Protein backbone atom coordinates (compact mmCIF):
# COMPACT_ATOMS: atom_id res chain seq x y z
CA UNK A 1 92.52 137.20 161.37
CA UNK A 2 93.05 133.58 161.57
CA UNK A 3 91.31 131.16 159.86
CA UNK A 4 89.48 128.59 161.92
CA UNK A 5 86.50 126.42 161.03
CA UNK A 6 82.89 128.00 161.32
CA UNK A 7 80.82 126.35 164.08
CA UNK A 8 77.81 127.90 161.84
CA UNK A 9 78.53 125.19 159.07
CA UNK A 10 79.62 122.24 161.42
CA UNK A 11 75.93 122.87 162.85
CA UNK A 12 74.54 122.86 159.51
CA UNK A 13 76.51 119.46 158.98
CA UNK A 14 75.50 118.12 161.76
CA UNK A 15 71.78 118.48 160.95
CA UNK A 16 72.27 117.19 157.93
CA UNK A 17 73.69 114.34 158.99
CA UNK A 18 70.68 113.80 161.64
CA UNK A 19 68.01 113.67 159.53
CA UNK A 20 69.47 111.82 156.96
CA UNK A 21 69.90 108.73 159.28
CA UNK A 22 66.77 109.45 160.81
CA UNK A 23 65.14 108.96 157.55
CA UNK A 24 67.63 105.84 156.78
CA UNK A 25 66.10 104.51 160.22
CA UNK A 26 62.41 104.87 158.68
CA UNK A 27 61.19 107.36 161.60
CA UNK A 28 59.47 110.34 161.37
CA UNK A 29 60.06 113.56 163.44
CA UNK A 30 57.44 112.92 165.59
CA UNK A 31 59.03 108.94 166.48
CA UNK A 32 62.34 109.74 166.97
CA UNK A 33 61.07 113.47 169.18
CA UNK A 34 59.57 111.67 171.21
CA UNK A 35 62.50 109.13 172.11
CA UNK A 36 64.25 112.45 173.41
CA UNK A 37 61.10 113.69 175.27
CA UNK A 38 61.20 116.82 172.78
CA UNK A 39 58.97 117.63 170.07
CA UNK A 40 58.93 116.90 166.55
CA UNK A 41 59.04 121.15 165.80
CA UNK A 42 62.25 121.23 167.65
CA UNK A 43 64.17 118.33 166.31
CA UNK A 44 63.34 119.86 162.94
CA UNK A 45 64.74 122.85 164.02
CA UNK A 46 67.92 121.02 164.83
CA UNK A 47 67.74 119.06 161.78
CA UNK A 48 67.37 122.03 159.46
CA UNK A 49 70.48 124.36 161.72
CA UNK A 50 68.01 126.84 164.10
CA UNK A 51 69.01 125.22 167.16
CA UNK A 52 72.23 123.22 168.32
CA UNK A 53 71.71 119.79 170.39
CA UNK A 54 72.38 119.17 173.93
CA UNK A 55 75.19 115.67 173.92
CA UNK A 56 72.36 113.50 175.69
CA UNK A 57 69.82 114.03 173.08
CA UNK A 58 72.65 113.31 170.70
CA UNK A 59 73.83 109.94 172.02
CA UNK A 60 69.93 108.96 172.66
CA UNK A 61 69.34 109.85 168.96
CA UNK A 62 72.67 108.07 167.35
CA UNK A 63 71.43 105.03 169.80
CA UNK A 64 67.70 105.12 168.35
CA UNK A 65 69.47 104.85 164.39
CA UNK A 66 71.76 102.68 165.39
CA UNK A 67 75.13 104.36 164.24
CA UNK A 68 78.00 102.22 164.13
CA UNK A 69 81.36 103.61 166.14
CA UNK A 70 83.05 105.07 163.64
CA UNK A 71 80.32 107.37 162.36
CA UNK A 72 78.89 107.76 165.63
CA UNK A 73 82.60 109.25 166.95
CA UNK A 74 82.52 111.32 164.10
CA UNK A 75 79.06 112.61 164.91
CA UNK A 76 80.00 113.88 168.72
CA UNK A 77 83.08 115.27 167.56
CA UNK A 78 80.97 117.47 164.67
CA UNK A 79 78.34 118.57 167.40
CA UNK A 80 81.68 119.34 169.84
CA UNK A 81 82.57 121.63 166.96
CA UNK A 82 79.41 123.02 166.83
CA UNK A 83 78.98 124.16 170.07
CA UNK A 84 82.16 126.30 169.87
CA UNK A 85 82.32 130.56 169.41
CA UNK A 86 83.00 131.35 165.94
CA UNK A 87 85.98 134.44 165.70
CA UNK A 88 82.97 137.22 165.53
CA UNK A 89 81.34 136.08 169.01
CA UNK A 90 82.92 139.35 170.35
CA UNK A 91 80.66 141.61 168.07
CA UNK A 92 77.70 139.72 169.26
CA UNK A 93 75.74 142.54 170.84
CA UNK A 94 76.29 144.51 167.96
CA UNK A 95 74.92 141.82 165.43
CA UNK A 96 71.89 140.89 164.60
CA UNK A 97 71.34 136.92 164.76
CA UNK A 98 70.44 136.37 161.18
CA UNK A 99 73.49 137.95 160.21
CA UNK A 100 75.41 136.31 162.43
CA UNK A 101 74.81 133.08 160.47
CA UNK A 102 75.78 134.90 157.13
CA UNK A 103 79.24 135.79 158.93
CA UNK A 104 79.42 132.42 159.92
CA UNK A 105 78.65 130.46 156.41
CA UNK A 106 81.16 133.35 154.58
CA UNK A 107 83.85 132.10 157.12
CA UNK A 108 84.33 128.54 155.87
CA UNK A 109 82.89 129.74 152.39
CA UNK A 110 85.38 128.26 149.40
CA UNK A 111 83.92 130.98 146.81
CA UNK A 112 80.76 133.41 146.98
CA UNK A 113 78.84 134.59 143.96
CA UNK A 114 77.50 138.23 144.22
CA UNK A 115 74.78 140.21 142.87
CA UNK A 116 74.64 143.70 144.21
CA UNK A 117 72.30 146.78 142.41
CA UNK A 118 72.36 149.50 145.48
CA UNK A 119 75.53 149.33 147.34
CA UNK A 120 79.14 147.91 147.26
CA UNK A 121 79.11 144.56 149.09
CA UNK A 122 81.10 144.84 152.36
CA UNK A 123 83.89 142.51 151.01
CA UNK A 124 84.67 144.80 149.20
CA UNK A 125 83.97 148.51 151.09
CA UNK A 126 86.66 150.99 151.84
CA UNK A 127 86.14 151.74 156.06
CA UNK A 128 84.98 155.73 154.76
CA UNK A 129 82.08 154.11 152.08
CA UNK A 130 81.47 151.61 155.33
CA UNK A 131 81.22 154.60 157.67
CA UNK A 132 78.72 156.44 155.64
CA UNK A 133 76.47 154.10 155.12
CA UNK A 134 76.00 153.17 158.59
CA UNK A 135 75.47 157.24 159.26
CA UNK A 136 72.85 156.91 156.93
CA UNK A 137 71.35 154.30 158.42
CA UNK A 138 67.45 155.28 159.90
CA UNK A 139 67.09 155.32 162.76
CA UNK A 140 70.59 156.70 163.05
CA UNK A 141 73.29 154.53 164.44
CA UNK A 142 75.09 155.82 167.62
CA UNK A 143 78.79 156.24 166.67
CA UNK A 144 80.35 153.82 168.84
CA UNK A 145 77.99 151.04 167.48
CA UNK A 146 79.07 152.71 163.89
CA UNK A 147 82.74 151.65 164.61
CA UNK A 148 81.78 148.03 165.83
CA UNK A 149 80.34 147.53 162.85
CA UNK A 150 83.15 148.97 160.66
CA UNK A 151 85.91 147.15 162.62
CA UNK A 152 83.95 143.60 161.88
CA UNK A 153 83.60 144.37 158.31
CA UNK A 154 86.97 145.14 158.04
CA UNK A 155 88.00 141.67 159.98
CA UNK A 156 86.11 139.93 157.40
CA UNK A 157 87.99 141.51 154.46
CA UNK A 158 90.59 139.63 155.55
CA UNK A 159 89.32 136.26 153.74
CA UNK A 160 89.19 137.82 150.22
CA UNK A 161 93.48 139.65 150.90
CA UNK A 162 94.75 136.93 153.30
CA UNK A 163 92.54 134.29 152.52
CA UNK A 164 91.88 134.41 148.82
CA UNK A 165 88.22 133.41 149.20
CA UNK A 166 87.10 133.39 145.52
CA UNK A 167 84.60 136.22 144.49
CA UNK A 168 82.51 136.47 141.64
CA UNK A 169 80.92 139.81 141.35
CA UNK A 170 78.21 141.79 139.26
CA UNK A 171 77.69 145.06 140.50
CA UNK A 172 74.79 147.09 139.11
CA UNK A 173 76.25 150.69 137.35
CA UNK A 174 73.73 152.99 139.54
CA UNK A 175 76.57 150.83 142.90
CA UNK A 176 79.71 152.27 141.24
CA UNK A 177 77.82 155.73 140.32
CA UNK A 178 75.60 156.44 143.80
CA UNK A 179 77.98 158.94 145.80
CA UNK A 180 77.63 156.90 149.25
CA UNK A 181 79.47 159.60 151.61
CA UNK A 182 79.89 162.26 148.91
CA UNK A 183 81.97 162.34 145.43
CA UNK A 184 85.63 162.41 147.70
CA UNK A 185 84.48 158.89 149.35
CA UNK A 186 83.28 157.34 145.85
CA UNK A 187 86.06 158.53 144.20
CA UNK A 188 88.14 156.42 147.05
CA UNK A 189 85.93 153.65 147.05
CA UNK A 190 86.54 152.81 142.79
CA UNK A 191 90.08 153.34 143.53
CA UNK A 192 89.54 150.51 146.39
CA UNK A 193 87.01 148.43 143.79
CA UNK A 194 89.99 148.45 140.97
CA UNK A 195 92.96 147.50 143.62
CA UNK A 196 90.73 144.60 144.41
CA UNK A 197 89.97 143.93 140.91
CA UNK A 198 93.26 143.33 140.54
CA UNK A 199 93.53 139.66 142.73
CA UNK A 200 93.82 136.69 140.98
CA UNK A 201 90.75 135.57 143.18
CA UNK A 202 88.98 137.95 142.62
CA UNK A 203 86.32 138.70 139.10
CA UNK A 204 84.54 142.01 138.81
CA UNK A 205 81.62 142.92 136.56
CA UNK A 206 79.68 145.87 135.99
CA UNK A 207 76.25 145.49 134.35
CA UNK A 208 75.32 148.19 132.22
CA UNK A 209 71.97 150.44 132.26
CA UNK A 210 72.06 149.57 128.65
CA UNK A 211 71.42 145.78 129.76
CA UNK A 212 68.02 146.81 130.14
CA UNK A 213 66.15 146.57 133.89
CA UNK A 214 67.04 143.89 136.07
CA UNK A 215 64.32 143.50 138.87
CA UNK A 216 66.13 141.24 141.34
CA UNK A 217 67.16 141.57 145.06
CA UNK A 218 70.74 141.76 145.78
CA UNK A 219 72.42 137.85 146.52
CA UNK A 220 75.32 135.70 147.45
CA UNK A 221 75.59 132.44 146.48
CA UNK A 222 78.05 131.05 149.07
CA UNK A 223 79.91 127.70 147.57
CA UNK A 224 81.84 125.29 150.34
CA UNK A 225 85.07 123.21 150.09
CA UNK A 226 83.84 120.05 151.69
CA UNK A 227 81.11 118.52 148.86
CA UNK A 228 79.13 117.67 152.27
CA UNK A 229 78.51 121.50 152.85
CA UNK A 230 75.66 122.11 150.16
CA UNK A 231 75.57 125.89 148.48
CA UNK A 232 73.31 128.70 150.48
CA UNK A 233 71.62 131.52 148.66
CA UNK A 234 71.88 134.49 151.24
CA UNK A 235 69.14 137.27 150.58
CA UNK A 236 69.45 140.20 152.41
CA UNK A 237 66.06 142.50 153.07
CA UNK A 238 65.24 145.62 155.58
CA UNK A 239 63.55 143.12 157.91
CA UNK A 240 66.60 140.59 158.10
CA UNK A 241 67.60 138.29 155.78
CA UNK A 242 66.85 134.58 154.26
CA UNK A 243 68.47 131.54 153.36
CA UNK A 244 67.67 129.07 150.48
CA UNK A 245 69.69 125.70 149.77
CA UNK A 246 66.84 123.59 148.48
CA UNK A 247 69.09 121.96 145.35
CA UNK A 248 66.38 123.58 142.81
CA UNK A 249 66.56 126.90 144.53
CA UNK A 250 70.37 126.60 144.42
CA UNK A 251 70.29 126.03 140.33
CA UNK A 252 67.72 128.47 139.39
CA UNK A 253 69.87 131.42 140.98
CA UNK A 254 73.01 130.22 140.25
CA UNK A 255 71.27 130.22 136.51
CA UNK A 256 70.35 133.75 137.06
CA UNK A 257 73.63 134.64 138.44
CA UNK A 258 75.59 132.79 135.36
CA UNK A 259 72.69 135.55 132.78
CA UNK A 260 73.71 138.52 134.85
CA UNK A 261 77.73 137.73 134.25
CA UNK A 262 76.75 137.01 130.86
CA UNK A 263 75.01 140.52 130.29
CA UNK A 264 77.80 142.57 132.03
CA UNK A 265 80.75 143.68 131.14
CA UNK A 266 83.78 141.85 131.13
CA UNK A 267 85.98 141.96 134.24
CA UNK A 268 88.34 144.12 131.60
CA UNK A 269 85.51 146.92 130.35
CA UNK A 270 84.58 146.87 134.12
CA UNK A 271 88.05 148.26 135.29
CA UNK A 272 88.42 150.34 132.32
CA UNK A 273 84.44 151.66 133.02
CA UNK A 274 85.65 152.36 136.59
CA UNK A 275 88.69 153.94 135.90
CA UNK A 276 87.24 156.37 133.20
CA UNK A 277 85.12 157.22 136.13
CA UNK A 278 87.74 157.76 138.51
CA UNK A 279 89.18 160.18 135.48
CA UNK A 280 86.30 162.16 135.57
CA UNK A 281 85.30 162.88 139.23
CA UNK A 282 88.84 164.20 139.33
């Protein structure tokens, strides 16, 4: 996979800029929306990157906000990039819309902070482990759909291996003990974790049972290289996913993640624990 910018990230940046410009002009959502013959709810969705914006509406808003030519050109170019298709578009018939957003953000992230309590994270899975997970779904997916999901998952992993995406990963001990797909598949998965953990851009830690009860949903913190793109918290659940990006929410989740890392075994201890598990099972 060749590295490409993410239209998802561009849309977020454009929406944030439009909101900043509107507030700088002292206008409410209702006032700005009337100028483009739209509703305040639609403009709100544009500013929060849930909707794209048409070129005529963008030009009208930039006129209203009295944006200088140089800044205007940058925003028009940003909007043009935000309308392009991401590399994952070929999987659109397979991937739900809420996960498309995540893939778009992940594609341009500089680093991820990952906590998993049930399963190995998709960026670290082997094909066999991923296939076993998808086949165990309720209702079960058709085999063709399973293979499409796996191809997307393997393509995403190029971010880690080829593009050195920085990963800080905390896996609950239950994750490395749960025999998804059976003993042979788990052994292969654990051996793969050891290989990935050797990469200089990856820090892998195991949170032991002895750390006590941890009542938390799995989550991912996405950080971006451009300071204009603020961090996002991704929380996946049974009905889809939630995204949080308010500064207070990000700070709180980052503190939680730091506490998990402090309670977990060190990367070296974690690697030794995983290696010992492999020996026990073989």
